[in-house]
Amino acid sequence: MLTESPLYGVPLAVIVEKCGVHPDTARRWKRTGNVPAAPLALIRALYEHDLGAIDRQWAGWSLRHGELVSPAGERLTPGAVLAGRYHAEMVRELNKDRSIRAATIDFGALLTTES
């Protein structure tokens, strides 16, 4: 049945353009529901914006309007993704600084309490 095809609702022109196939091939895929894995993943990623089609670990994530969208709806621009590395380094440095401060003995306080 046509509604059970994994390409149900995907316009023929999109399948032809994104997969680089002949319209007859796209029609057959839609009609039979027998779509090779790679073109199906491509359509799900590019048309349905489903990154889980490429890698299961990205299930629920999508790309919309140039932003990476998490399953919770958080939106990340390419710049924010690139800045993640620097943010993680900054957090490490702050935590290291806190550890050093916590390990430092306040000698002034010791001298005033002993006198």
Protein backbone atom coordinates (compact mmCIF):
# COMPACT_ATOMS: atom_id res chain seq x y z
CA MET A 1 0.00 0.00 0.00
CA LEU A 2 1.24 3.49 -0.88
CA THR A 3 0.78 4.99 2.61
CA GLU A 4 3.12 2.34 4.04
CA SER A 5 6.00 3.40 1.80
CA PRO A 6 8.89 4.97 3.71
CA LEU A 7 8.77 7.73 1.09
CA TYR A 8 5.07 8.47 1.56
CA GLY A 9 4.56 12.22 1.45
CA VAL A 10 7.98 12.96 -0.01
CA PRO A 11 7.54 14.76 -3.35
CA LEU A 12 8.85 12.89 -6.38
CA ALA A 13 10.96 15.92 -7.38
CA VAL A 14 12.73 15.84 -4.00
CA ILE A 15 13.64 12.16 -4.38
CA VAL A 16 14.91 12.75 -7.92
CA GLU A 17 16.96 15.81 -6.88
CA LYS A 18 18.41 14.58 -3.59
CA CYS A 19 19.16 11.01 -4.73
CA GLY A 20 20.09 11.78 -8.32
CA VAL A 21 17.81 9.08 -9.72
CA HIS A 22 15.50 8.92 -12.72
CA PRO A 23 11.85 9.82 -12.01
CA ASP A 24 10.83 6.26 -12.92
CA THR A 25 13.14 4.92 -10.18
CA ALA A 26 11.70 7.37 -7.67
CA ARG A 27 8.16 6.37 -8.64
CA ARG A 28 9.03 2.66 -8.22
CA TRP A 29 10.53 3.32 -4.79
CA LYS A 30 7.40 5.19 -3.71
CA ARG A 31 5.05 2.58 -5.20
CA THR A 32 6.78 -0.55 -3.85
CA GLY A 33 8.26 0.86 -0.65
CA ASN A 34 11.46 -1.00 -1.56
CA VAL A 35 14.03 1.77 -1.14
CA PRO A 36 17.77 1.09 -0.80
CA ALA A 37 19.14 2.02 2.64
CA ALA A 38 21.50 4.78 1.48
CA PRO A 39 18.93 6.80 -0.51
CA LEU A 40 16.39 6.36 2.27
CA ALA A 41 18.87 7.68 4.87
CA LEU A 42 19.68 10.57 2.57
CA ILE A 43 16.01 11.50 2.14
CA ARG A 44 15.36 11.24 5.88
CA ALA A 45 18.37 13.41 6.63
CA LEU A 46 17.89 16.03 3.91
CA TYR A 47 14.11 16.16 3.56
CA GLU A 48 12.84 15.09 6.96
CA HIS A 49 15.85 16.62 8.78
CA ASP A 50 16.29 13.38 10.78
CA LEU A 51 19.96 12.91 11.75
CA GLY A 52 19.10 9.57 13.33
CA ALA A 53 18.81 8.23 9.78
CA ILE A 54 22.57 8.72 9.41
CA ASP A 55 23.65 7.52 12.86
CA ARG A 56 21.46 6.08 15.64
CA GLN A 57 23.26 8.13 18.28
CA TRP A 58 21.75 11.24 16.67
CA ALA A 59 18.17 9.94 16.89
CA GLY A 60 15.85 12.81 17.74
CA TRP A 61 18.34 15.44 16.56
CA SER A 62 17.64 17.43 13.42
CA LEU A 63 19.01 20.19 11.23
CA ARG A 64 16.58 23.05 10.68
CA HIS A 65 17.28 26.44 9.16
CA GLY A 66 21.03 26.06 9.65
CA GLU A 67 20.77 25.07 13.30
CA LEU A 68 21.33 21.77 15.09
CA VAL A 69 18.19 21.06 17.13
CA SER A 70 18.33 18.70 20.11
CA PRO A 71 15.47 16.36 21.06
CA ALA A 72 14.63 18.86 23.83
CA GLY A 73 14.33 21.67 21.28
CA GLU A 74 17.59 23.44 22.13
CA ARG A 75 18.96 25.15 19.03
CA LEU A 76 22.70 25.39 18.31
CA THR A 77 24.24 27.45 15.55
CA PRO A 78 27.42 26.22 13.83
CA GLY A 79 29.33 28.85 15.83
CA ALA A 80 27.95 27.54 19.12
CA VAL A 81 28.96 24.00 18.20
CA LEU A 82 32.48 25.15 17.34
CA ALA A 83 32.67 27.17 20.56
CA GLY A 84 31.85 24.04 22.59
CA ARG A 85 35.49 23.04 22.61
CA TYR A 86 36.52 26.41 24.05
CA HIS A 87 33.70 26.37 26.57
CA ALA A 88 34.80 22.94 27.83
CA GLU A 89 38.40 24.18 28.17
CA MET A 90 37.22 27.25 30.10
CA VAL A 91 35.22 25.05 32.49
CA ARG A 92 38.29 22.82 33.04
CA GLU A 93 40.43 25.88 33.83
CA LEU A 94 37.84 27.28 36.25
CA ASN A 95 37.56 23.93 38.03
CA LYS A 96 41.35 23.65 38.24
CA ASP A 97 41.52 27.17 39.72
CA ARG A 98 38.85 26.30 42.29
CA SER A 99 40.76 23.15 43.28
CA ILE A 100 43.97 25.15 43.77
CA ARG A 101 42.16 27.76 45.87
CA ALA A 102 40.50 25.07 47.99
CA ALA A 103 43.86 23.36 48.61
CA THR A 104 45.66 26.59 49.56
CA ILE A 105 46.16 27.05 53.29
CA ASP A 106 45.33 30.50 54.61
CA PHE A 107 48.56 31.11 56.56
CA GLY A 108 47.35 34.56 57.67
CA ALA A 109 44.40 33.02 59.42
CA LEU A 110 46.66 30.46 61.11
CA LEU A 111 49.00 33.13 62.45
CA THR A 112 46.18 35.24 63.91
CA THR A 113 44.53 32.28 65.62
CA GLU A 114 47.77 31.03 67.21
CA SER A 115 48.86 34.32 68.73
